[in-house]
Amino acid sequence: MKNLLIALSIIFITTAFQTKKTDVFICMTKSSKTYHLKKNCRGLKICKSKIKKITKKKAENVGRTFCKIEKKKNHKLSIKLES
């Protein structure tokens, strides 16, 4: 019983402190400046290059901002993502 409690405690501690990674999509052209939550976003349909899946944090680190089209559609979700 003691071993079970220790094991459950370790699992709880390791999962409680993990940060959730949000994957986003970016167009790999030099002129692209936004990231998208969905690969089928209207803003990505004009991409003439490869579409790459990366973390939101990486996208923001390279200067990408959240897609304005998705921001309007998902206002509540965008507020949550920007915080």
N, C-alpha and C. Protein backbone atom coordinates (compact mmCIF):
# COMPACT_ATOMS: atom_id res chain seq x y z
N MET A 1 0.82 -1.20 0.00
CA MET A 1 0.00 0.00 0.00
C MET A 1 0.87 1.26 0.00
N LYS A 2 1.94 1.21 0.79
CA LYS A 2 2.84 2.36 0.87
C LYS A 2 3.50 2.62 -0.49
N ASN A 3 3.90 1.53 -1.17
CA ASN A 3 4.52 1.67 -2.49
C ASN A 3 3.54 2.27 -3.51
N LEU A 4 2.30 1.88 -3.40
CA LEU A 4 1.28 2.42 -4.29
C LEU A 4 1.11 3.92 -4.09
N LEU A 5 1.07 4.35 -2.85
CA LEU A 5 0.95 5.78 -2.56
C LEU A 5 2.16 6.56 -3.06
N ILE A 6 3.34 6.00 -2.91
CA ILE A 6 4.55 6.66 -3.40
C ILE A 6 4.51 6.77 -4.92
N ALA A 7 4.13 5.69 -5.58
CA ALA A 7 4.06 5.69 -7.04
C ALA A 7 3.03 6.71 -7.55
N LEU A 8 1.87 6.74 -6.92
CA LEU A 8 0.84 7.71 -7.32
C LEU A 8 1.29 9.14 -7.06
N SER A 9 2.00 9.35 -5.97
CA SER A 9 2.52 10.69 -5.66
C SER A 9 3.52 11.15 -6.71
N ILE A 10 4.40 10.25 -7.12
CA ILE A 10 5.40 10.59 -8.14
C ILE A 10 4.71 10.92 -9.47
N ILE A 11 3.73 10.13 -9.85
CA ILE A 11 3.00 10.38 -11.09
C ILE A 11 2.28 11.73 -11.02
N PHE A 12 1.64 12.00 -9.90
CA PHE A 12 0.93 13.27 -9.75
C PHE A 12 1.88 14.46 -9.84
N ILE A 13 3.00 14.37 -9.17
CA ILE A 13 3.97 15.48 -9.16
C ILE A 13 4.53 15.73 -10.56
N THR A 14 4.88 14.67 -11.27
CA THR A 14 5.48 14.86 -12.60
C THR A 14 4.47 15.39 -13.61
N THR A 15 3.21 14.99 -13.51
CA THR A 15 2.21 15.49 -14.46
C THR A 15 1.68 16.86 -14.07
N ALA A 16 1.68 17.20 -12.82
CA ALA A 16 1.15 18.49 -12.37
C ALA A 16 2.00 19.66 -12.83
N PHE A 17 3.28 19.45 -13.00
CA PHE A 17 4.18 20.55 -13.35
C PHE A 17 4.54 20.60 -14.83
N GLN A 18 3.93 19.77 -15.63
CA GLN A 18 4.18 19.82 -17.07
C GLN A 18 3.34 20.92 -17.69
N THR A 19 3.95 21.70 -18.58
CA THR A 19 3.20 22.74 -19.27
C THR A 19 2.59 22.15 -20.54
N LYS A 20 1.41 22.59 -20.85
CA LYS A 20 0.72 22.10 -22.04
C LYS A 20 1.30 22.80 -23.26
N LYS A 21 1.70 22.01 -24.24
CA LYS A 21 2.22 22.57 -25.48
C LYS A 21 1.09 22.64 -26.49
N THR A 22 0.90 23.81 -27.04
CA THR A 22 -0.10 23.99 -28.08
C THR A 22 0.60 23.97 -29.42
N ASP A 23 0.22 23.03 -30.27
CA ASP A 23 0.78 22.97 -31.61
C ASP A 23 0.01 23.89 -32.53
N VAL A 24 0.74 24.58 -33.39
CA VAL A 24 0.16 25.50 -34.36
C VAL A 24 0.78 25.22 -35.73
N PHE A 25 0.24 25.85 -36.74
CA PHE A 25 0.73 25.66 -38.11
C PHE A 25 1.23 26.99 -38.67
N ILE A 26 2.35 26.92 -39.39
CA ILE A 26 2.90 28.12 -40.03
C ILE A 26 3.22 27.82 -41.49
N CYS A 27 3.14 28.85 -42.31
CA CYS A 27 3.57 28.77 -43.70
C CYS A 27 5.06 29.09 -43.71
N MET A 28 5.84 28.34 -44.45
CA MET A 28 7.30 28.47 -44.40
C MET A 28 7.86 29.53 -45.37
N THR A 29 7.05 30.44 -45.87
CA THR A 29 7.58 31.51 -46.72
C THR A 29 8.21 32.60 -45.86
N LYS A 30 9.11 33.37 -46.45
CA LYS A 30 9.79 34.44 -45.71
C LYS A 30 8.83 35.56 -45.33
N SER A 31 7.81 35.77 -46.12
CA SER A 31 6.87 36.87 -45.87
C SER A 31 5.77 36.52 -44.86
N SER A 32 5.63 35.27 -44.51
CA SER A 32 4.58 34.84 -43.58
C SER A 32 4.87 35.37 -42.18
N LYS A 33 3.82 35.88 -41.52
CA LYS A 33 4.00 36.49 -40.20
C LYS A 33 3.06 35.94 -39.13
N THR A 34 2.22 34.97 -39.48
CA THR A 34 1.22 34.49 -38.54
C THR A 34 1.33 32.98 -38.29
N TYR A 35 0.69 32.55 -37.21
CA TYR A 35 0.53 31.12 -36.95
C TYR A 35 -0.96 30.82 -36.86
N HIS A 36 -1.31 29.57 -37.11
CA HIS A 36 -2.71 29.17 -37.22
C HIS A 36 -2.97 27.95 -36.34
N LEU A 37 -4.16 27.89 -35.75
CA LEU A 37 -4.52 26.75 -34.91
C LEU A 37 -4.93 25.54 -35.74
N LYS A 38 -5.52 25.80 -36.90
CA LYS A 38 -6.01 24.72 -37.75
C LYS A 38 -5.29 24.73 -39.09
N LYS A 39 -4.94 23.55 -39.55
CA LYS A 39 -4.23 23.44 -40.82
C LYS A 39 -5.11 23.85 -42.00
N ASN A 40 -6.42 23.77 -41.82
CA ASN A 40 -7.34 24.14 -42.91
C ASN A 40 -7.83 25.59 -42.79
N CYS A 41 -7.13 26.43 -42.04
CA CYS A 41 -7.49 27.84 -41.91
C CYS A 41 -7.45 28.52 -43.28
N ARG A 42 -8.38 29.42 -43.50
CA ARG A 42 -8.45 30.16 -44.77
C ARG A 42 -7.16 30.93 -45.02
N GLY A 43 -6.52 31.42 -43.96
CA GLY A 43 -5.27 32.15 -44.09
C GLY A 43 -4.12 31.29 -44.60
N LEU A 44 -4.16 30.00 -44.33
CA LEU A 44 -3.10 29.09 -44.79
C LEU A 44 -3.34 28.59 -46.22
N LYS A 45 -4.55 28.76 -46.72
CA LYS A 45 -4.86 28.26 -48.07
C LYS A 45 -4.06 28.97 -49.15
N ILE A 46 -3.60 30.19 -48.87
CA ILE A 46 -2.81 30.93 -49.87
C ILE A 46 -1.32 30.63 -49.78
N CYS A 47 -0.94 29.78 -48.84
CA CYS A 47 0.48 29.44 -48.66
C CYS A 47 1.00 28.71 -49.90
N LYS A 48 2.08 29.22 -50.46
CA LYS A 48 2.68 28.63 -51.66
C LYS A 48 3.87 27.74 -51.31
N SER A 49 4.11 27.55 -50.03
CA SER A 49 5.26 26.77 -49.57
C SER A 49 4.77 25.64 -48.67
N LYS A 50 5.69 25.06 -47.95
CA LYS A 50 5.37 23.98 -47.02
C LYS A 50 4.69 24.54 -45.77
N ILE A 51 3.71 23.81 -45.25
CA ILE A 51 3.07 24.15 -43.99
C ILE A 51 3.68 23.27 -42.91
N LYS A 52 4.18 23.91 -41.86
CA LYS A 52 4.90 23.18 -40.82
C LYS A 52 4.15 23.28 -39.49
N LYS A 53 4.15 22.17 -38.74
CA LYS A 53 3.53 22.12 -37.43
C LYS A 53 4.62 22.35 -36.38
N ILE A 54 4.45 23.39 -35.54
CA ILE A 54 5.41 23.68 -34.48
C ILE A 54 4.65 24.09 -33.22
N THR A 55 5.35 24.30 -32.12
CA THR A 55 4.68 24.74 -30.90
C THR A 55 4.39 26.24 -30.99
N LYS A 56 3.38 26.66 -30.27
CA LYS A 56 3.00 28.07 -30.23
C LYS A 56 4.17 28.91 -29.72
N LYS A 57 4.87 28.40 -28.74
CA LYS A 57 6.00 29.13 -28.16
C LYS A 57 7.09 29.38 -29.21
N LYS A 58 7.41 28.36 -30.00
CA LYS A 58 8.42 28.52 -31.06
C LYS A 58 7.96 29.53 -32.11
N ALA A 59 6.68 29.47 -32.46
CA ALA A 59 6.14 30.40 -33.46
C ALA A 59 6.26 31.84 -32.96
N GLU A 60 5.95 32.06 -31.71
CA GLU A 60 6.05 33.40 -31.15
C GLU A 60 7.50 33.84 -31.01
N ASN A 61 8.39 32.90 -30.72
CA ASN A 61 9.81 33.24 -30.59
C ASN A 61 10.43 33.72 -31.90
N VAL A 62 9.87 33.28 -33.03
CA VAL A 62 10.38 33.73 -34.32
C VAL A 62 9.55 34.89 -34.89
N GLY A 63 8.71 35.48 -34.04
CA GLY A 63 7.99 36.69 -34.43
C GLY A 63 6.62 36.51 -35.04
N ARG A 64 6.08 35.30 -35.00
CA ARG A 64 4.75 35.06 -35.57
C ARG A 64 3.68 35.52 -34.59
N THR A 65 2.57 36.01 -35.13
CA THR A 65 1.42 36.40 -34.32
C THR A 65 0.22 35.55 -34.72
N PHE A 66 -0.80 35.54 -33.86
CA PHE A 66 -1.98 34.72 -34.08
C PHE A 66 -2.78 35.23 -35.28
N CYS A 67 -3.24 34.33 -36.09
CA CYS A 67 -4.01 34.63 -37.31
C CYS A 67 -5.26 35.46 -36.98
N LYS A 68 -5.44 36.57 -37.69
CA LYS A 68 -6.59 37.45 -37.44
C LYS A 68 -7.91 36.80 -37.83
N ILE A 69 -7.90 35.94 -38.83
CA ILE A 69 -9.12 35.25 -39.26
C ILE A 69 -9.60 34.33 -38.14
N GLU A 70 -8.69 33.55 -37.59
CA GLU A 70 -9.06 32.63 -36.51
C GLU A 70 -9.36 33.39 -35.22
N LYS A 71 -8.71 34.51 -35.04
CA LYS A 71 -8.94 35.31 -33.84
C LYS A 71 -10.39 35.79 -33.80
N LYS A 72 -10.92 36.20 -34.95
CA LYS A 72 -12.32 36.64 -35.01
C LYS A 72 -13.27 35.48 -34.79
N LYS A 73 -12.96 34.32 -35.38
CA LYS A 73 -13.84 33.15 -35.26
C LYS A 73 -13.80 32.55 -33.86
N ASN A 74 -12.64 32.57 -33.25
CA ASN A 74 -12.44 31.91 -31.95
C ASN A 74 -12.06 32.93 -30.89
N HIS A 75 -12.87 33.97 -30.72
CA HIS A 75 -12.52 35.06 -29.81
C HIS A 75 -12.21 34.55 -28.40
N LYS A 76 -13.03 33.69 -27.87
CA LYS A 76 -12.79 33.17 -26.52
C LYS A 76 -11.51 32.36 -26.46
N LEU A 77 -11.28 31.54 -27.47
CA LEU A 77 -10.08 30.71 -27.52
C LEU A 77 -8.83 31.57 -27.68
N SER A 78 -8.92 32.63 -28.48
CA SER A 78 -7.75 33.48 -28.70
C SER A 78 -7.36 34.22 -27.44
N ILE A 79 -8.33 34.62 -26.63
CA ILE A 79 -8.02 35.28 -25.37
C ILE A 79 -7.27 34.31 -24.47
N LYS A 80 -7.70 33.07 -24.44
CA LYS A 80 -7.05 32.04 -23.64
C LYS A 80 -5.62 31.79 -24.12
N LEU A 81 -5.40 31.77 -25.43
CA LEU A 81 -4.08 31.51 -25.99
C LEU A 81 -3.11 32.65 -25.75
N GLU A 82 -3.59 33.88 -25.76
CA GLU A 82 -2.71 35.02 -25.63
C GLU A 82 -2.26 35.25 -24.20
N SER A 83 -2.93 34.68 -23.24
CA SER A 83 -2.53 34.89 -21.84
C SER A 83 -1.44 33.94 -21.41
